[in-house]
Amino acid sequence: MLDGLELFKAWQHHYLEHMGQDGLSHTDNSTEEMKKYIEQQNESFVTMVDAILESQDTDNNGYIDYVEYMFAKIYAKEEEERAKLAEEKKKKQ
């Protein structure tokens, strides 16, 4: 089971690990710029986590369990397939 904090930390870890790819390395940016960037990213992470919990935590217990995760994954795949079919249908018209 995952809670919001675990989701937040996972996103944060991923993005902070790849900060250099965004041009933010310790050598060419000030500490203040990095702090500002991290604060902005944290706000984005909170928004993402809230959206994930809202859409996937179907029993509203504050956790995403395996069943909820799998349902969300299946639903996302079905939505992707529906979008592709709609796009193909639109191209044919």
Foldseek 3Di string as FASTA:
>chain_A
DAALVNQLVVQLVVCVVCVVVVVDDPPPDDPVVVVVVSVVVSVVSSVVSVVCCVQQVVVPPRGHDPVSVVVVVVVVVVVVVVVVVVVVVVVVD
